[in-house]
């Protein structure tokens, strides 16, 4: 379904619009407020899993018509239609080596057709590449339907189709899955078995949405969201003594964690989060995570320990400023306590460049680091007071530049992230 195969799309959309407004087709205008693009994986369901242009389906609040039907276990679509029948720049590509399926769900509602066909669950998880996303900020709703097991995690990464390096990668918490669609949509959470999961506040031009290896994919929906992005922050800690590592995703005030350690059988270390304190400085315990289980005699891997911790807004700010650390306390006393500083790896610290001119100096840093501002001081000593540089900031070729007159007095400069 691309622009070359739909020469009469504009005429067809106008005609369908007249039919909808005259009430010749069922159409609930009250819910089609959010701008959205839907992809329906027909799977092995054939006509029973195919939506007509006027069928309205989806999660309440973002139901839509003009779903883009996507047959086959491998495929690609371009210029997908949105919920108003307008062509967009969005393209989708997918490939499922485990094949397609039909769950046989029957019902008069269009939601049954949406959830009937699916891409089969597959290791390490079926990925759908989305590129040319036309919305500045958006949610991605992953619809889950078909035979699968009880729990797992979903993820997304950007840019779409990348393997390494990835700009960002974010995991959901371990959520529960309900494989039998009975006509109602329930969001999957760690406590509630559901049939869809919603990634919120993304702002990437392209992403790959990855379903769990245990959850078949029935559909995807990209929903435009007004307002600023809330892209999760990625954090990482390396445990001292070569004892393992931890990955964290901070999504607003939700801290998702994944800890993997290396200890012999039976060590079962306790895990503590401490802060606020910079590297090398001690701080009190903020929270206790579940202990890591070291039960594999043939392997030294303990865990993984996964879950979600609720933090306050001030604690979230401390985490993004590298002021928390992980402490590992093994059960047997002959193993030492280890720690790892939790570092913000989403936005690497920008480099500050100094250019010397005959009568001035120019300081430069990339415009991608808009959350940093320039400060100066005349001496480096304990208790120093940094002052904001108030000179005009110029922008050229994606570079911030500040020009300062040369002075005989020595000065030091730094970039600091805005609180």
Protein backbone atom coordinates (compact mmCIF):
# COMPACT_ATOMS: atom_id res chain seq x y z
CA UNK A 1 0.00 0.00 0.00
CA UNK A 2 2.07 2.91 -1.26
CA UNK A 3 1.44 6.09 -3.18
CA UNK A 4 2.00 4.40 -6.54
CA UNK A 5 -0.73 1.81 -5.90
CA UNK A 6 -3.39 4.28 -4.71
CA UNK A 7 -3.91 6.87 -7.50
CA UNK A 8 -7.52 7.50 -6.49
CA UNK A 9 -6.99 7.86 -2.74
CA UNK A 10 -8.06 11.51 -2.57
CA UNK A 11 -11.28 10.84 -4.52
CA UNK A 12 -12.03 7.73 -2.45
CA UNK A 13 -11.50 9.62 0.82
CA UNK A 14 -13.88 12.41 -0.28
CA UNK A 15 -16.51 9.84 -1.24
CA UNK A 16 -16.17 7.94 2.04
CA UNK A 17 -16.33 11.21 3.95
CA UNK A 18 -19.70 11.99 2.33
CA UNK A 19 -20.98 8.52 3.15
CA UNK A 20 -19.87 8.82 6.74
CA UNK A 21 -21.45 12.22 7.22
CA UNK A 22 -24.73 11.08 5.69
CA UNK A 23 -24.84 8.16 8.10
CA UNK A 24 -24.68 5.39 5.46
CA UNK A 25 -21.89 3.72 7.45
CA UNK A 26 -21.42 3.25 11.20
CA UNK A 27 -18.99 5.92 12.39
CA UNK A 28 -18.57 7.30 15.90
CA UNK A 29 -17.28 10.82 15.41
CA UNK A 30 -17.08 11.47 19.15
CA UNK A 31 -13.96 9.36 19.64
CA UNK A 32 -11.99 10.27 16.52
CA UNK A 33 -10.44 13.40 17.99
CA UNK A 34 -6.79 12.34 18.31
CA UNK A 35 -4.86 12.21 15.05
CA UNK A 36 -3.61 8.66 14.61
CA UNK A 37 -2.31 6.04 12.17
CA UNK A 38 -3.29 2.39 12.63
CA UNK A 39 -1.62 -0.76 11.25
CA UNK A 40 -3.68 -3.96 11.37
CA UNK A 41 -1.70 -7.20 10.98
CA UNK A 42 -4.14 -9.45 9.14
CA UNK A 43 -2.05 -12.53 9.90
CA UNK A 44 -3.69 -15.79 8.88
CA UNK A 45 -7.24 -14.49 9.44
CA UNK A 46 -7.87 -13.39 5.85
CA UNK A 47 -11.16 -11.51 5.34
CA UNK A 48 -12.19 -12.12 8.97
CA UNK A 49 -9.16 -10.15 10.13
CA UNK A 50 -9.43 -7.36 7.54
CA UNK A 51 -11.00 -3.98 8.40
CA UNK A 52 -12.94 -1.93 5.88
CA UNK A 53 -12.15 1.79 5.55
CA UNK A 54 -15.19 2.70 7.64
CA UNK A 55 -14.72 0.14 10.42
CA UNK A 56 -13.97 1.87 13.73
CA UNK A 57 -11.72 -0.03 16.11
CA UNK A 58 -9.11 0.43 18.83
CA UNK A 59 -8.59 1.40 22.43
CA UNK A 60 -11.35 3.67 23.79
CA UNK A 61 -10.36 7.31 23.44
CA UNK A 62 -8.27 6.69 20.32
CA UNK A 63 -10.61 4.55 18.22
CA UNK A 64 -10.22 5.22 14.51
CA UNK A 65 -11.29 4.23 11.03
CA UNK A 66 -9.02 3.86 7.96
CA UNK A 67 -6.82 1.18 9.50
CA UNK A 68 -4.02 0.11 7.15
CA UNK A 69 -4.43 -3.65 6.63
CA UNK A 70 -1.04 -5.39 6.56
CA UNK A 71 -1.03 -8.99 5.30
CA UNK A 72 1.84 -11.48 5.37
CA UNK A 73 4.60 -12.37 7.81
CA UNK A 74 7.04 -10.12 5.94
CA UNK A 75 6.05 -6.82 4.37
CA UNK A 76 6.43 -3.09 4.01
CA UNK A 77 3.95 -0.24 3.54
CA UNK A 78 4.53 3.42 2.76
CA UNK A 79 2.46 6.62 2.83
CA UNK A 80 0.08 5.12 5.38
CA UNK A 81 -3.38 6.68 5.80
CA UNK A 82 -4.30 8.42 9.03
CA UNK A 83 -7.69 8.35 10.73
CA UNK A 84 -8.97 11.12 8.43
CA UNK A 85 -8.02 9.19 5.25
CA UNK A 86 -5.07 11.49 4.54
CA UNK A 87 -1.81 10.02 3.24
CA UNK A 88 1.13 10.55 5.59
CA UNK A 89 4.90 10.15 5.46
CA UNK A 90 4.80 7.13 7.77
CA UNK A 91 6.26 3.86 6.48
CA UNK A 92 6.25 0.49 8.22
CA UNK A 93 8.29 -2.68 7.66
CA UNK A 94 8.16 -5.98 9.51
CA UNK A 95 9.37 -9.54 9.29
CA UNK A 96 8.34 -12.46 11.50
CA UNK A 97 10.33 -15.68 10.93
CA UNK A 98 7.85 -17.55 13.13
CA UNK A 99 4.93 -16.84 10.79
CA UNK A 100 1.39 -15.58 11.22
CA UNK A 101 -1.76 -16.79 12.96
CA UNK A 102 -5.51 -16.56 13.48
CA UNK A 103 -6.92 -16.74 17.00
CA UNK A 104 -10.43 -17.50 15.75
CA UNK A 105 -12.04 -14.78 17.90
CA UNK A 106 -15.60 -14.07 16.78
CA UNK A 107 -17.81 -11.06 17.45
CA UNK A 108 -19.89 -8.43 15.71
CA UNK A 109 -17.63 -5.58 16.80
CA UNK A 110 -14.81 -4.35 14.54
CA UNK A 111 -12.42 -4.80 17.47
CA UNK A 112 -12.67 -8.58 16.99
CA UNK A 113 -11.44 -8.21 13.39
CA UNK A 114 -8.59 -5.98 14.58
CA UNK A 115 -7.47 -8.50 17.21
CA UNK A 116 -8.06 -11.71 15.21
CA UNK A 117 -4.97 -12.00 12.99
CA UNK A 118 -1.45 -11.62 14.38
CA UNK A 119 2.30 -11.98 13.92
CA UNK A 120 3.39 -14.96 16.01
CA UNK A 121 5.46 -14.52 19.17
CA UNK A 122 9.10 -15.11 18.36
CA UNK A 123 12.53 -14.83 19.95
CA UNK A 124 13.85 -12.25 20.65
CA UNK A 125 10.56 -10.47 19.83
CA UNK A 126 8.95 -9.29 16.60
CA UNK A 127 10.12 -5.82 15.57
CA UNK A 128 8.14 -3.38 13.42
CA UNK A 129 10.16 -0.52 11.90
CA UNK A 130 8.33 2.82 11.78
CA UNK A 131 9.97 5.63 9.82
CA UNK A 132 8.90 9.06 8.61
CA UNK A 133 6.70 9.51 11.69
CA UNK A 134 4.77 12.74 11.02
CA UNK A 135 4.12 13.74 14.65
CA UNK A 136 6.48 15.73 16.86
CA UNK A 137 5.29 13.86 19.97
CA UNK A 138 3.32 10.64 19.90
CA UNK A 139 2.34 7.43 21.69
CA UNK A 140 2.78 3.94 20.24
CA UNK A 141 0.08 1.45 21.20
CA UNK A 142 1.01 -2.22 20.74
CA UNK A 143 -2.04 -4.50 20.45
CA UNK A 144 -1.43 -8.07 21.68
CA UNK A 145 -3.55 -11.06 20.67
CA UNK A 146 -3.02 -14.77 20.09
CA UNK A 147 -1.49 -17.69 21.98
CA UNK A 148 1.32 -16.66 24.30
CA UNK A 149 2.66 -16.99 27.82
CA UNK A 150 1.83 -14.98 30.90
CA UNK A 151 4.42 -12.21 31.24
CA UNK A 152 7.18 -10.37 29.43
CA UNK A 153 8.56 -6.99 28.43
CA UNK A 154 8.17 -4.87 25.32
CA UNK A 155 10.63 -2.30 24.06
CA UNK A 156 11.40 0.26 21.41
CA UNK A 157 14.64 1.65 20.03
CA UNK A 158 15.70 4.41 17.71
CA UNK A 159 16.66 4.87 14.92
CA UNK A 160 14.41 2.27 13.31
CA UNK A 161 16.18 -0.86 12.11
CA UNK A 162 19.43 -0.08 13.90
CA UNK A 163 21.44 -2.77 15.65
CA UNK A 164 24.34 -0.84 17.15
CA UNK A 165 24.74 1.88 18.15
CA UNK A 166 21.17 2.86 19.02
CA UNK A 167 20.32 6.43 19.97
CA UNK A 168 18.03 5.17 22.68
CA UNK A 169 16.35 2.01 23.86
CA UNK A 170 13.56 1.70 26.40
CA UNK A 171 11.92 -1.32 27.99
CA UNK A 172 8.51 -1.64 29.56
CA UNK A 173 8.30 -3.23 32.99
CA UNK A 174 7.49 -6.94 33.05
CA UNK A 175 3.76 -6.94 32.30
CA UNK A 176 1.08 -9.63 32.35
CA UNK A 177 -0.59 -10.80 29.13
CA UNK A 178 -4.15 -12.00 28.59
CA UNK A 179 -4.26 -14.04 25.34
CA UNK A 180 -8.04 -14.33 24.97
CA UNK A 181 -9.68 -11.22 23.49
CA UNK A 182 -13.31 -11.07 24.62
CA UNK A 183 -14.27 -7.68 23.23
CA UNK A 184 -12.71 -5.30 25.79
CA UNK A 185 -9.31 -3.63 25.80
CA UNK A 186 -7.25 -3.81 29.00
CA UNK A 187 -3.83 -2.16 29.35
CA UNK A 188 -1.14 -4.64 30.40
CA UNK A 189 0.65 -3.72 33.65
CA UNK A 190 2.81 -5.62 36.16
CA UNK A 191 -0.37 -6.33 38.17
CA UNK A 192 -3.07 -6.61 35.47
CA UNK A 193 -3.13 -9.03 32.54
CA UNK A 194 -3.97 -7.02 29.44
CA UNK A 195 -4.06 -7.06 25.65
CA UNK A 196 -2.26 -3.82 24.78
CA UNK A 197 0.68 -1.73 25.98
CA UNK A 198 1.19 2.00 25.40
CA UNK A 199 4.58 3.70 25.04
CA UNK A 200 4.00 7.36 25.87
CA UNK A 201 5.57 10.65 24.83
CA UNK A 202 8.05 9.58 22.12
CA UNK A 203 9.57 12.18 19.81
CA UNK A 204 11.83 10.24 17.43
CA UNK A 205 11.50 10.44 13.66
CA UNK A 206 11.83 6.66 13.45
CA UNK A 207 11.56 3.82 15.94
CA UNK A 208 11.41 0.05 16.00
CA UNK A 209 8.68 -1.24 18.30
CA UNK A 210 9.53 -4.72 19.60
CA UNK A 211 6.97 -7.07 21.10
CA UNK A 212 7.88 -9.54 23.80
CA UNK A 213 9.07 -12.96 22.67
CA UNK A 214 5.93 -14.25 24.39
CA UNK A 215 3.30 -11.82 23.01
CA UNK A 216 1.88 -12.07 19.45
CA UNK A 217 1.35 -8.68 17.72
CA UNK A 218 -2.12 -7.94 16.35
CA UNK A 219 -1.79 -4.24 15.52
CA UNK A 220 0.15 -1.03 16.10
CA UNK A 221 -1.19 2.51 16.42
CA UNK A 222 0.76 5.78 16.36
CA UNK A 223 -1.22 8.49 18.16
CA UNK A 224 -0.30 12.18 17.99
CA UNK A 225 0.09 13.77 21.43
CA UNK A 226 0.03 17.54 22.02
CA UNK A 227 2.56 19.02 24.40
CA UNK A 228 6.22 18.38 25.25
CA UNK A 229 7.93 15.01 24.91
CA UNK A 230 8.50 12.78 27.89
CA UNK A 231 11.11 10.50 26.39
CA UNK A 232 12.49 8.12 29.03
CA UNK A 233 15.99 8.71 30.37
CA UNK A 234 18.46 5.83 30.14
CA UNK A 235 20.73 5.16 33.14
CA UNK A 236 23.51 2.61 33.68
CA UNK A 237 25.66 1.37 36.57
CA UNK A 238 28.72 -0.88 36.41
CA UNK A 239 29.24 -2.76 39.69
CA UNK A 240 32.78 -2.67 41.08
CA UNK A 241 34.83 -5.86 41.29
CA UNK A 242 33.55 -7.04 37.89
CA UNK A 243 30.40 -8.18 39.66
CA UNK A 244 27.88 -7.11 37.03
CA UNK A 245 25.82 -4.17 35.83
CA UNK A 246 22.40 -2.56 36.00
CA UNK A 247 20.31 -0.78 33.35
CA UNK A 248 17.62 1.70 34.37
CA UNK A 249 14.92 3.54 32.44
CA UNK A 250 13.46 6.63 34.10
CA UNK A 251 10.03 7.35 32.61
CA UNK A 252 8.72 10.41 34.45
CA UNK A 253 8.67 9.17 38.04
CA UNK A 254 8.72 5.46 37.11
CA UNK A 255 12.18 3.90 37.49
CA UNK A 256 12.37 0.56 35.64
CA UNK A 257 15.40 -1.55 36.59
CA UNK A 258 17.20 -4.60 35.21
CA UNK A 259 20.11 -5.84 37.37
CA UNK A 260 22.44 -8.69 36.34
CA UNK A 261 25.24 -9.86 38.65
CA UNK A 262 27.98 -12.49 38.70
CA UNK A 263 28.36 -14.45 41.94
CA UNK A 264 28.65 -18.16 42.77
CA UNK A 265 25.68 -20.35 43.62
CA UNK A 266 23.91 -19.30 46.81
CA UNK A 267 25.35 -15.77 47.15
CA UNK A 268 21.91 -14.19 46.61
CA UNK A 269 23.04 -10.56 47.13
CA UNK A 270 20.71 -7.89 48.47
CA UNK A 271 20.35 -4.74 46.36
CA UNK A 272 20.15 -1.20 47.73
CA UNK A 273 19.80 2.21 46.09
CA UNK A 274 21.59 5.09 47.83
CA UNK A 275 21.65 8.85 47.29
CA UNK A 276 22.01 11.66 46.71
CA UNK A 277 25.81 11.61 46.45
CA UNK A 278 28.43 11.93 43.70
CA UNK A 279 30.84 9.09 42.95
CA UNK A 280 33.03 8.17 45.92
CA UNK A 281 30.77 9.82 48.51
CA UNK A 282 28.46 7.84 50.81
CA UNK A 283 24.73 8.51 51.19
CA UNK A 284 21.83 6.84 53.02
CA UNK A 285 19.68 4.07 51.57
CA UNK A 286 16.81 5.39 49.44
CA UNK A 287 15.17 2.09 48.50
CA UNK A 288 15.68 -1.67 48.60
CA UNK A 289 15.28 -3.76 45.46
CA UNK A 290 14.50 -7.50 45.46
CA UNK A 291 17.52 -9.71 46.14
CA UNK A 292 19.24 -11.39 43.20
CA UNK A 293 18.78 -15.15 43.04
CA UNK A 294 21.95 -17.16 42.33
CA UNK A 295 20.49 -20.62 41.71
CA UNK A 296 22.29 -21.72 38.54
CA UNK A 297 25.07 -24.05 39.66
CA UNK A 298 26.53 -24.26 36.16
CA UNK A 299 26.49 -20.47 35.69
CA UNK A 300 27.63 -17.48 37.76
CA UNK A 301 24.75 -15.26 36.56
CA UNK A 302 22.48 -14.00 39.32
CA UNK A 303 19.15 -12.56 38.27
CA UNK A 304 18.05 -10.74 36.25
CA UNK A 305 16.25 -8.65 38.83
CA UNK A 306 13.61 -6.53 37.10
CA UNK A 307 10.79 -4.30 38.24
CA UNK A 308 9.59 -0.73 38.63
CA UNK A 309 10.18 1.70 41.50
CA UNK A 310 8.15 4.86 41.99
CA UNK A 311 10.30 7.92 42.77
CA UNK A 312 9.53 11.56 43.51
CA UNK A 313 10.18 14.40 41.07
CA UNK A 314 13.18 15.55 43.14
CA UNK A 315 14.58 12.02 43.21
CA UNK A 316 14.16 11.79 39.44
CA UNK A 317 16.22 14.98 39.11
CA UNK A 318 18.92 13.43 41.33
CA UNK A 319 19.01 10.32 39.14
CA UNK A 320 19.46 12.30 35.93
CA UNK A 321 22.27 14.24 37.64
CA UNK A 322 24.26 11.06 38.45
CA UNK A 323 23.64 11.34 42.20
CA UNK A 324 22.41 7.81 43.03
CA UNK A 325 24.37 4.58 43.29
CA UNK A 326 23.64 0.86 43.57
CA UNK A 327 25.03 -1.18 46.49
CA UNK A 328 25.35 -4.97 46.26
CA UNK A 329 25.46 -6.87 49.57
CA UNK A 330 26.18 -10.61 49.08
CA UNK A 331 24.77 -13.07 51.61
CA UNK A 332 28.03 -14.83 52.61
CA UNK A 333 30.11 -12.43 54.68
CA UNK A 334 33.36 -13.30 52.89
CA UNK A 335 32.16 -11.40 49.79
CA UNK A 336 32.76 -7.66 49.93
CA UNK A 337 30.06 -5.04 49.42
CA UNK A 338 30.27 -3.54 45.94
CA UNK A 339 28.81 -0.37 44.46
CA UNK A 340 28.18 1.22 41.10
CA UNK A 341 27.38 4.85 40.39
CA UNK A 342 24.19 5.24 38.33
CA UNK A 343 25.04 7.42 35.34
CA UNK A 344 22.78 9.22 32.87
CA UNK A 345 23.67 7.80 29.44
CA UNK A 346 20.74 9.28 27.46
CA UNK A 347 22.34 12.66 26.89
CA UNK A 348 26.13 12.49 26.87
CA UNK A 349 27.82 15.54 28.41
CA UNK A 350 28.56 18.01 25.59
CA UNK A 351 32.10 19.15 24.90
CA UNK A 352 32.95 22.84 25.24
CA UNK A 353 35.24 24.22 22.56
CA UNK A 354 37.40 27.35 22.92
CA UNK A 355 38.47 29.41 19.88
CA UNK A 356 41.06 32.16 20.37
CA UNK A 357 40.81 35.32 18.26
CA UNK A 358 43.20 38.33 18.36
CA UNK A 359 40.94 40.39 20.65
CA UNK A 360 38.35 37.88 21.81
CA UNK A 361 37.60 34.25 22.62
CA UNK A 362 34.64 32.21 21.37
CA UNK A 363 33.11 29.32 23.32
CA UNK A 364 31.06 26.77 21.38
CA UNK A 365 28.89 23.70 22.11
CA UNK A 366 26.30 21.74 20.08
CA UNK A 367 22.69 22.90 19.82
CA UNK A 368 21.58 19.33 20.63
CA UNK A 369 22.48 20.19 24.25
CA UNK A 370 19.84 22.89 24.76
CA UNK A 371 19.42 21.97 28.42
CA UNK A 372 22.99 23.14 29.23
CA UNK A 373 24.06 26.72 29.87
CA UNK A 374 27.43 28.41 30.23
CA UNK A 375 28.98 29.38 33.59
CA UNK A 376 32.29 30.97 34.59
CA UNK A 377 34.53 31.47 37.64
CA UNK A 378 37.93 33.03 38.28
CA UNK A 379 39.30 30.37 40.64
CA UNK A 380 38.95 26.64 41.21
CA UNK A 381 38.79 25.92 44.93
CA UNK A 382 36.35 24.39 47.46
CA UNK A 383 33.19 26.45 47.79
CA UNK A 384 33.65 28.27 44.48
CA UNK A 385 30.76 30.29 43.10
CA UNK A 386 29.97 29.79 39.43
CA UNK A 387 28.31 32.70 37.61
CA UNK A 388 26.09 32.51 34.55
CA UNK A 389 27.55 33.99 31.36
CA UNK A 390 25.01 36.52 30.08
CA UNK A 391 26.63 37.41 26.74
CA UNK A 392 24.51 36.93 23.63
CA UNK A 393 24.36 33.36 22.27
CA UNK A 394 24.60 32.98 18.48
CA UNK A 395 23.44 29.89 16.57
CA UNK A 396 25.04 28.77 13.31
CA UNK A 397 25.39 25.31 11.72
CA UNK A 398 23.86 23.62 14.81
CA UNK A 399 26.45 25.22 17.10
CA UNK A 400 25.90 27.60 20.03
CA UNK A 401 28.60 30.33 20.17
CA UNK A 402 29.34 32.95 22.83
CA UNK A 403 31.92 35.66 22.11
CA UNK A 404 33.85 37.22 25.02
CA UNK A 405 36.43 40.00 25.15
CA UNK A 406 39.96 38.95 26.06
CA UNK A 407 40.93 39.82 29.65
CA UNK A 408 44.15 39.64 31.59
CA UNK A 409 42.45 37.78 34.43
CA UNK A 410 42.29 33.97 34.14
CA UNK A 411 38.81 32.48 33.87
CA UNK A 412 37.36 29.01 33.89
CA UNK A 413 34.20 27.90 32.07
CA UNK A 414 31.82 24.98 32.30
CA UNK A 415 28.46 23.78 30.92
CA UNK A 416 25.83 22.94 33.49
CA UNK A 417 22.52 21.20 32.89
CA UNK A 418 19.55 23.35 33.85
CA UNK A 419 17.81 22.11 37.00
